[in-house]
Amino acid sequence: MILRRAFLMSCVLATSTLSSNALAQGYPDRPVKLIVPFSPGGATDILGRLLATALTDKLGQSVIVENKPGAGTALAVSAVALVL
């Protein structure tokens, strides 16, 4: 439960930071992928989709939600690490 709360808080912080920096620099120039480390249909997935909708409206670019459940969120972390 604490892990999910920490994840949700980090999503909110990352979203606000991303959107403020992104708007200042004209980013993004292509669709954004939001990786959710839990299975579809749960509270975290619903929040991710709500964040994606808000970001789509604010950024003017598509935000795609991709669920990567499994291995205690390690699959999602490794997917993000490959991009960075």
PDB file of N, CA and C in Angstrom:
ATOM      1  N   MET A   1       0.818  -1.189   0.000  1.00  0.00           N
ATOM      2  CA  MET A   1       0.000   0.000   0.000  1.00  0.00           C
ATOM      3  C   MET A   1       0.864   1.257   0.000  1.00  0.00           C
ATOM      4  N   ILE A   2       1.932   1.244   0.773  1.00  0.00           N
ATOM      5  CA  ILE A   2       2.819   2.402   0.814  1.00  0.00           C
ATOM      6  C   ILE A   2       3.511   2.574  -0.532  1.00  0.00           C
ATOM      7  N   LEU A   3       3.864   1.457  -1.195  1.00  0.00           N
ATOM      8  CA  LEU A   3       4.497   1.519  -2.497  1.00  0.00           C
ATOM      9  C   LEU A   3       3.570   2.182  -3.512  1.00  0.00           C
ATOM     10  N   ARG A   4       2.309   1.847  -3.478  1.00  0.00           N
ATOM     11  CA  ARG A   4       1.359   2.463  -4.409  1.00  0.00           C
ATOM     12  C   ARG A   4       1.172   3.941  -4.119  1.00  0.00           C
ATOM     13  N   ARG A   5       1.127   4.315  -2.867  1.00  0.00           N
ATOM     14  CA  ARG A   5       1.011   5.737  -2.533  1.00  0.00           C
ATOM     15  C   ARG A   5       2.233   6.503  -3.013  1.00  0.00           C
ATOM     16  N   ALA A   6       3.395   5.923  -2.810  1.00  0.00           N
ATOM     17  CA  ALA A   6       4.628   6.575  -3.274  1.00  0.00           C
ATOM     18  C   ALA A   6       4.622   6.696  -4.790  1.00  0.00           C
ATOM     19  N   PHE A   7       4.141   5.656  -5.471  1.00  0.00           N
ATOM     20  CA  PHE A   7       4.060   5.697  -6.930  1.00  0.00           C
ATOM     21  C   PHE A   7       3.098   6.788  -7.386  1.00  0.00           C
ATOM     22  N   LEU A   8       1.943   6.863  -6.758  1.00  0.00           N
ATOM     23  CA  LEU A   8       0.957   7.871  -7.140  1.00  0.00           C
ATOM     24  C   LEU A   8       1.487   9.281  -6.914  1.00  0.00           C
ATOM     25  N   MET A   9       2.155   9.481  -5.796  1.00  0.00           N
ATOM     26  CA  MET A   9       2.717  10.799  -5.514  1.00  0.00           C
ATOM     27  C   MET A   9       3.824  11.136  -6.516  1.00  0.00           C
ATOM     28  N   SER A  10       4.630  10.157  -6.878  1.00  0.00           N
ATOM     29  CA  SER A  10       5.683  10.420  -7.858  1.00  0.00           C
ATOM     30  C   SER A  10       5.084  10.712  -9.229  1.00  0.00           C
ATOM     31  N   CYS A  11       3.952  10.081  -9.560  1.00  0.00           N
ATOM     32  CA  CYS A  11       3.270  10.381 -10.824  1.00  0.00           C
ATOM     33  C   CYS A  11       2.789  11.823 -10.856  1.00  0.00           C
ATOM     34  N   VAL A  12       2.208  12.256  -9.774  1.00  0.00           N
ATOM     35  CA  VAL A  12       1.707  13.625  -9.713  1.00  0.00           C
ATOM     36  C   VAL A  12       2.862  14.617  -9.821  1.00  0.00           C
ATOM     37  N   LEU A  13       3.941  14.363  -9.095  1.00  0.00           N
ATOM     38  CA  LEU A  13       5.100  15.240  -9.148  1.00  0.00           C
ATOM     39  C   LEU A  13       5.724  15.240 -10.538  1.00  0.00           C
ATOM     40  N   ALA A  14       5.882  14.073 -11.129  1.00  0.00           N
ATOM     41  CA  ALA A  14       6.477  13.983 -12.466  1.00  0.00           C
ATOM     42  C   ALA A  14       5.601  14.665 -13.507  1.00  0.00           C
ATOM     43  N   THR A  15       4.294  14.515 -13.362  1.00  0.00           N
ATOM     44  CA  THR A  15       3.376  15.129 -14.309  1.00  0.00           C
ATOM     45  C   THR A  15       3.450  16.636 -14.248  1.00  0.00           C
ATOM     46  N   SER A  16       3.460  17.181 -13.048  1.00  0.00           N
ATOM     47  CA  SER A  16       3.518  18.638 -12.936  1.00  0.00           C
ATOM     48  C   SER A  16       4.854  19.174 -13.420  1.00  0.00           C
ATOM     49  N   THR A  17       5.935  18.468 -13.120  1.00  0.00           N
ATOM     50  CA  THR A  17       7.257  18.893 -13.582  1.00  0.00           C
ATOM     51  C   THR A  17       7.366  18.781 -15.093  1.00  0.00           C
ATOM     52  N   LEU A  18       6.908  17.649 -15.632  1.00  0.00           N
ATOM     53  CA  LEU A  18       6.963  17.424 -17.076  1.00  0.00           C
ATOM     54  C   LEU A  18       6.153  18.461 -17.826  1.00  0.00           C
ATOM     55  N   SER A  19       4.951  18.715 -17.372  1.00  0.00           N
ATOM     56  CA  SER A  19       4.094  19.631 -18.110  1.00  0.00           C
ATOM     57  C   SER A  19       4.612  21.062 -18.059  1.00  0.00           C
ATOM     58  N   SER A  20       5.171  21.494 -16.943  1.00  0.00           N
ATOM     59  CA  SER A  20       5.688  22.858 -16.889  1.00  0.00           C
ATOM     60  C   SER A  20       6.945  23.011 -17.730  1.00  0.00           C
ATOM     61  N   ASN A  21       7.852  22.042 -17.661  1.00  0.00           N
ATOM     62  CA  ASN A  21       9.069  22.098 -18.480  1.00  0.00           C
ATOM     63  C   ASN A  21       8.757  21.887 -19.959  1.00  0.00           C
ATOM     64  N   ALA A  22       7.825  20.993 -20.229  1.00  0.00           N
ATOM     65  CA  ALA A  22       7.500  20.657 -21.609  1.00  0.00           C
ATOM     66  C   ALA A  22       6.887  21.835 -22.342  1.00  0.00           C
ATOM     67  N   LEU A  23       5.999  22.532 -21.706  1.00  0.00           N
ATOM     68  CA  LEU A  23       5.359  23.662 -22.352  1.00  0.00           C
ATOM     69  C   LEU A  23       6.359  24.775 -22.629  1.00  0.00           C
ATOM     70  N   ALA A  24       7.353  24.927 -21.763  1.00  0.00           N
ATOM     71  CA  ALA A  24       8.349  25.971 -21.946  1.00  0.00           C
ATOM     72  C   ALA A  24       9.269  25.672 -23.125  1.00  0.00           C
ATOM     73  N   GLN A  25       9.512  24.387 -23.424  1.00  0.00           N
ATOM     74  CA  GLN A  25      10.470  24.020 -24.457  1.00  0.00           C
ATOM     75  C   GLN A  25       9.818  23.531 -25.753  1.00  0.00           C
ATOM     76  N   GLY A  26       8.505  23.549 -25.849  1.00  0.00           N
ATOM     77  CA  GLY A  26       7.843  23.076 -27.056  1.00  0.00           C
ATOM     78  C   GLY A  26       7.813  21.564 -27.184  1.00  0.00           C
ATOM     79  N   TYR A  27       8.136  20.858 -26.120  1.00  0.00           N
ATOM     80  CA  TYR A  27       8.111  19.397 -26.104  1.00  0.00           C
ATOM     81  C   TYR A  27       6.690  18.963 -25.838  1.00  0.00           C
ATOM     82  N   PRO A  28       6.202  17.912 -26.261  1.00  0.00           N
ATOM     83  CA  PRO A  28       6.785  16.858 -27.079  1.00  0.00           C
ATOM     84  C   PRO A  28       6.462  17.053 -28.553  1.00  0.00           C
ATOM     85  N   ASP A  29       7.267  16.479 -29.383  1.00  0.00           N
ATOM     86  CA  ASP A  29       7.020  16.540 -30.817  1.00  0.00           C
ATOM     87  C   ASP A  29       6.509  15.206 -31.354  1.00  0.00           C
ATOM     88  N   ARG A  30       6.266  14.257 -30.457  1.00  0.00           N
ATOM     89  CA  ARG A  30       5.714  12.947 -30.811  1.00  0.00           C
ATOM     90  C   ARG A  30       4.894  12.433 -29.630  1.00  0.00           C
ATOM     91  N   PRO A  31       4.097  11.373 -29.812  1.00  0.00           N
ATOM     92  CA  PRO A  31       3.286  10.858 -28.697  1.00  0.00           C
ATOM     93  C   PRO A  31       4.147  10.446 -27.498  1.00  0.00           C
ATOM     94  N   VAL A  32       3.592  10.659 -26.304  1.00  0.00           N
ATOM     95  CA  VAL A  32       4.266  10.334 -25.047  1.00  0.00           C
ATOM     96  C   VAL A  32       3.714   9.015 -24.539  1.00  0.00           C
ATOM     97  N   LYS A  33       4.594   8.165 -24.015  1.00  0.00           N
ATOM     98  CA  LYS A  33       4.171   6.881 -23.459  1.00  0.00           C
ATOM     99  C   LYS A  33       4.258   6.951 -21.940  1.00  0.00           C
ATOM    100  N   LEU A  34       3.147   6.702 -21.261  1.00  0.00           N
ATOM    101  CA  LEU A  34       3.086   6.667 -19.805  1.00  0.00           C
ATOM    102  C   LEU A  34       3.033   5.201 -19.380  1.00  0.00           C
ATOM    103  N   ILE A  35       4.080   4.732 -18.717  1.00  0.00           N
ATOM    104  CA  ILE A  35       4.157   3.332 -18.309  1.00  0.00           C
ATOM    105  C   ILE A  35       3.624   3.186 -16.894  1.00  0.00           C
ATOM    106  N   VAL A  36       2.614   2.318 -16.744  1.00  0.00           N
ATOM    107  CA  VAL A  36       2.010   2.029 -15.442  1.00  0.00           C
ATOM    108  C   VAL A  36       2.477   0.637 -15.022  1.00  0.00           C
ATOM    109  N   PRO A  37       3.111   0.504 -13.852  1.00  0.00           N
ATOM    110  CA  PRO A  37       3.694  -0.781 -13.466  1.00  0.00           C
ATOM    111  C   PRO A  37       2.720  -1.792 -12.866  1.00  0.00           C
ATOM    112  N   PHE A  38       1.434  -1.579 -13.023  1.00  0.00           N
ATOM    113  CA  PHE A  38       0.438  -2.494 -12.474  1.00  0.00           C
ATOM    114  C   PHE A  38      -0.533  -2.916 -13.569  1.00  0.00           C
ATOM    115  N   SER A  39      -1.284  -3.984 -13.312  1.00  0.00           N
ATOM    116  CA  SER A  39      -2.178  -4.536 -14.324  1.00  0.00           C
ATOM    117  C   SER A  39      -3.352  -3.597 -14.611  1.00  0.00           C
ATOM    118  N   PRO A  40      -3.933  -3.727 -15.822  1.00  0.00           N
ATOM    119  CA  PRO A  40      -5.064  -2.882 -16.196  1.00  0.00           C
ATOM    120  C   PRO A  40      -6.287  -3.144 -15.323  1.00  0.00           C
ATOM    121  N   GLY A  41      -7.081  -2.112 -15.112  1.00  0.00           N
ATOM    122  CA  GLY A  41      -8.326  -2.239 -14.385  1.00  0.00           C
ATOM    123  C   GLY A  41      -8.247  -1.867 -12.926  1.00  0.00           C
ATOM    124  N   GLY A  42      -7.057  -1.677 -12.400  1.00  0.00           N
ATOM    125  CA  GLY A  42      -6.900  -1.312 -11.000  1.00  0.00           C
ATOM    126  C   GLY A  42      -6.918   0.194 -10.809  1.00  0.00           C
ATOM    127  N   ALA A  43      -6.801   0.604  -9.571  1.00  0.00           N
ATOM    128  CA  ALA A  43      -6.823   2.028  -9.244  1.00  0.00           C
ATOM    129  C   ALA A  43      -5.656   2.772  -9.880  1.00  0.00           C
ATOM    130  N   THR A  44      -4.504   2.142  -9.925  1.00  0.00           N
ATOM    131  CA  THR A  44      -3.335   2.793 -10.507  1.00  0.00           C
ATOM    132  C   THR A  44      -3.505   2.982 -12.008  1.00  0.00           C
ATOM    133  N   ASP A  45      -4.104   2.012 -12.669  1.00  0.00           N
ATOM    134  CA  ASP A  45      -4.365   2.121 -14.098  1.00  0.00           C
ATOM    135  C   ASP A  45      -5.356   3.243 -14.376  1.00  0.00           C
ATOM    136  N   ILE A  46      -6.386   3.323 -13.571  1.00  0.00           N
ATOM    137  CA  ILE A  46      -7.393   4.375 -13.746  1.00  0.00           C
ATOM    138  C   ILE A  46      -6.754   5.744 -13.558  1.00  0.00           C
ATOM    139  N   LEU A  47      -5.920   5.892 -12.533  1.00  0.00           N
ATOM    140  CA  LEU A  47      -5.231   7.159 -12.309  1.00  0.00           C
ATOM    141  C   LEU A  47      -4.298   7.479 -13.478  1.00  0.00           C
ATOM    142  N   GLY A  48      -3.593   6.484 -13.978  1.00  0.00           N
ATOM    143  CA  GLY A  48      -2.722   6.701 -15.127  1.00  0.00           C
ATOM    144  C   GLY A  48      -3.489   7.183 -16.340  1.00  0.00           C
ATOM    145  N   ARG A  49      -4.660   6.626 -16.558  1.00  0.00           N
ATOM    146  CA  ARG A  49      -5.472   7.043 -17.704  1.00  0.00           C
ATOM    147  C   ARG A  49      -6.038   8.449 -17.505  1.00  0.00           C
ATOM    148  N   LEU A  50      -6.377   8.791 -16.265  1.00  0.00           N
ATOM    149  CA  LEU A  50      -6.822  10.161 -15.989  1.00  0.00           C
ATOM    150  C   LEU A  50      -5.685  11.160 -16.209  1.00  0.00           C
ATOM    151  N   LEU A  51      -4.488  10.793 -15.759  1.00  0.00           N
ATOM    152  CA  LEU A  51      -3.324  11.649 -15.982  1.00  0.00           C
ATOM    153  C   LEU A  51      -3.024  11.782 -17.470  1.00  0.00           C
ATOM    154  N   ALA A  52      -3.160  10.689 -18.209  1.00  0.00           N
ATOM    155  CA  ALA A  52      -2.915  10.733 -19.649  1.00  0.00           C
ATOM    156  C   ALA A  52      -3.898  11.667 -20.343  1.00  0.00           C
ATOM    157  N   THR A  53      -5.149  11.633 -19.928  1.00  0.00           N
ATOM    158  CA  THR A  53      -6.154  12.521 -20.510  1.00  0.00           C
ATOM    159  C   THR A  53      -5.830  13.976 -20.214  1.00  0.00           C
ATOM    160  N   ALA A  54      -5.456  14.251 -18.969  1.00  0.00           N
ATOM    161  CA  ALA A  54      -5.109  15.629 -18.596  1.00  0.00           C
ATOM    162  C   ALA A  54      -3.863  16.106 -19.335  1.00  0.00           C
ATOM    163  N   LEU A  55      -2.869  15.244 -19.454  1.00  0.00           N
ATOM    164  CA  LEU A  55      -1.649  15.620 -20.175  1.00  0.00           C
ATOM    165  C   LEU A  55      -1.912  15.823 -21.662  1.00  0.00           C
ATOM    166  N   THR A  56      -2.778  14.996 -22.237  1.00  0.00           N
ATOM    167  CA  THR A  56      -3.125  15.155 -23.646  1.00  0.00           C
ATOM    168  C   THR A  56      -3.736  16.525 -23.890  1.00  0.00           C
ATOM    169  N   ASP A  57      -4.629  16.943 -23.017  1.00  0.00           N
ATOM    170  CA  ASP A  57      -5.262  18.251 -23.153  1.00  0.00           C
ATOM    171  C   ASP A  57      -4.254  19.384 -22.958  1.00  0.00           C
ATOM    172  N   LYS A  58      -3.376  19.225 -21.982  1.00  0.00           N
ATOM    173  CA  LYS A  58      -2.433  20.298 -21.644  1.00  0.00           C
ATOM    174  C   LYS A  58      -1.289  20.410 -22.646  1.00  0.00           C
ATOM    175  N   LEU A  59      -0.768  19.270 -23.109  1.00  0.00           N
ATOM    176  CA  LEU A  59       0.374  19.276 -24.012  1.00  0.00           C
ATOM    177  C   LEU A  59      -0.016  19.379 -25.482  1.00  0.00           C
ATOM    178  N   GLY A  60      -1.241  18.995 -25.794  1.00  0.00           N
ATOM    179  CA  GLY A  60      -1.663  18.994 -27.185  1.00  0.00           C
ATOM    180  C   GLY A  60      -1.047  17.850 -27.985  1.00  0.00           C
ATOM    181  N   GLN A  61      -0.617  16.818 -27.311  1.00  0.00           N
ATOM    182  CA  GLN A  61       0.002  15.650 -27.928  1.00  0.00           C
ATOM    183  C   GLN A  61      -0.587  14.397 -27.288  1.00  0.00           C
ATOM    184  N   SER A  62      -0.680  13.328 -28.035  1.00  0.00           N
ATOM    185  CA  SER A  62      -1.239  12.085 -27.505  1.00  0.00           C
ATOM    186  C   SER A  62      -0.358  11.508 -26.402  1.00  0.00           C
ATOM    187  N   VAL A  63      -1.000  11.025 -25.339  1.00  0.00           N
ATOM    188  CA  VAL A  63      -0.307  10.326 -24.263  1.00  0.00           C
ATOM    189  C   VAL A  63      -0.888   8.918 -24.216  1.00  0.00           C
ATOM    190  N   ILE A  64      -0.033   7.929 -24.409  1.00  0.00           N
ATOM    191  CA  ILE A  64      -0.448   6.533 -24.486  1.00  0.00           C
ATOM    192  C   ILE A  64      -0.100   5.837 -23.180  1.00  0.00           C
ATOM    193  N   VAL A  65      -1.081   5.169 -22.573  1.00  0.00           N
ATOM    194  CA  VAL A  65      -0.858   4.422 -21.332  1.00  0.00           C
ATOM    195  C   VAL A  65      -0.484   2.996 -21.688  1.00  0.00           C
ATOM    196  N   GLU A  66       0.642   2.542 -21.153  1.00  0.00           N
ATOM    197  CA  GLU A  66       1.094   1.168 -21.379  1.00  0.00           C
ATOM    198  C   GLU A  66       1.291   0.499 -20.025  1.00  0.00           C
ATOM    199  N   ASN A  67       0.561  -0.587 -19.792  1.00  0.00           N
ATOM    200  CA  ASN A  67       0.678  -1.329 -18.543  1.00  0.00           C
ATOM    201  C   ASN A  67       1.786  -2.361 -18.651  1.00  0.00           C
ATOM    202  N   LYS A  68       2.677  -2.398 -17.659  1.00  0.00           N
ATOM    203  CA  LYS A  68       3.775  -3.365 -17.598  1.00  0.00           C
ATOM    204  C   LYS A  68       3.786  -4.002 -16.211  1.00  0.00           C
ATOM    205  N   PRO A  69       2.813  -4.872 -15.902  1.00  0.00           N
ATOM    206  CA  PRO A  69       2.805  -5.498 -14.586  1.00  0.00           C
ATOM    207  C   PRO A  69       3.822  -6.632 -14.503  1.00  0.00           C
ATOM    208  N   GLY A  70       4.193  -6.966 -13.296  1.00  0.00           N
ATOM    209  CA  GLY A  70       5.031  -8.142 -13.094  1.00  0.00           C
ATOM    210  C   GLY A  70       6.373  -7.840 -12.470  1.00  0.00           C
ATOM    211  N   ALA A  71       6.912  -8.857 -11.795  1.00  0.00           N
ATOM    212  CA  ALA A  71       8.236  -8.814 -11.173  1.00  0.00           C
ATOM    213  C   ALA A  71       8.361  -7.679 -10.165  1.00  0.00           C
ATOM    214  N   GLY A  72       7.286  -7.410  -9.449  1.00  0.00           N
ATOM    215  CA  GLY A  72       7.334  -6.368  -8.425  1.00  0.00           C
ATOM    216  C   GLY A  72       7.674  -5.008  -8.996  1.00  0.00           C
ATOM    217  N   THR A  73       7.133  -4.664 -10.138  1.00  0.00           N
ATOM    218  CA  THR A  73       7.318  -3.424 -10.903  1.00  0.00           C
ATOM    219  C   THR A  73       8.679  -3.341 -11.601  1.00  0.00           C
ATOM    220  N   ALA A  74       9.480  -4.389 -11.532  1.00  0.00           N
ATOM    221  CA  ALA A  74      10.803  -4.358 -12.170  1.00  0.00           C
ATOM    222  C   ALA A  74      10.705  -4.293 -13.688  1.00  0.00           C
ATOM    223  N   LEU A  75       9.683  -4.894 -14.274  1.00  0.00           N
ATOM    224  CA  LEU A  75       9.520  -4.840 -15.726  1.00  0.00           C
ATOM    225  C   LEU A  75       9.272  -3.407 -16.201  1.00  0.00           C
ATOM    226  N   ALA A  76       8.439  -2.691 -15.472  1.00  0.00           N
ATOM    227  CA  ALA A  76       8.159  -1.304 -15.831  1.00  0.00           C
ATOM    228  C   ALA A  76       9.394  -0.429 -15.639  1.00  0.00           C
ATOM    229  N   VAL A  77      10.109  -0.660 -14.567  1.00  0.00           N
ATOM    230  CA  VAL A  77      11.320   0.126 -14.293  1.00  0.00           C
ATOM    231  C   VAL A  77      12.348  -0.118 -15.390  1.00  0.00           C
ATOM    232  N   SER A  78      12.514  -1.365 -15.798  1.00  0.00           N
ATOM    233  CA  SER A  78      13.488  -1.655 -16.850  1.00  0.00           C
ATOM    234  C   SER A  78      13.057  -1.066 -18.191  1.00  0.00           C
ATOM    235  N   ALA A  79      11.749  -1.017 -18.459  1.00  0.00           N
ATOM    236  CA  ALA A  79      11.256  -0.404 -19.699  1.00  0.00           C
ATOM    237  C   ALA A  79      11.559   1.094 -19.711  1.00  0.00           C
ATOM    238  N   VAL A  80      11.405   1.743 -18.579  1.00  0.00           N
ATOM    239  CA  VAL A  80      11.713   3.168 -18.492  1.00  0.00           C
ATOM    240  C   VAL A  80      13.214   3.388 -18.588  1.00  0.00           C
ATOM    241  N   ALA A  81      13.993   2.520 -17.942  1.00  0.00           N
ATOM    242  CA  ALA A  81      15.450   2.659 -17.958  1.00  0.00           C
ATOM    243  C   ALA A  81      16.003   2.498 -19.376  1.00  0.00           C
ATOM    244  N   LEU A  82      15.388   1.663 -20.188  1.00  0.00           N
ATOM    245  CA  LEU A  82      15.845   1.500 -21.561  1.00  0.00           C
ATOM    246  C   LEU A  82      15.647   2.757 -22.382  1.00  0.00           C
ATOM    247  N   VAL A  83      14.599   3.505 -22.082  1.00  0.00           N
ATOM    248  CA  VAL A  83      14.308   4.732 -22.807  1.00  0.00           C
ATOM    249  C   VAL A  83      15.263   5.840 -22.393  1.00  0.00           C
ATOM    250  N   LEU A  84      15.586   5.895 -21.122  1.00  0.00           N
ATOM    251  CA  LEU A  84      16.463   6.957 -20.634  1.00  0.00           C
ATOM    252  C   LEU A  84      17.865   6.621 -21.022  1.00  0.00           C
TER     253      LEU A  84
END
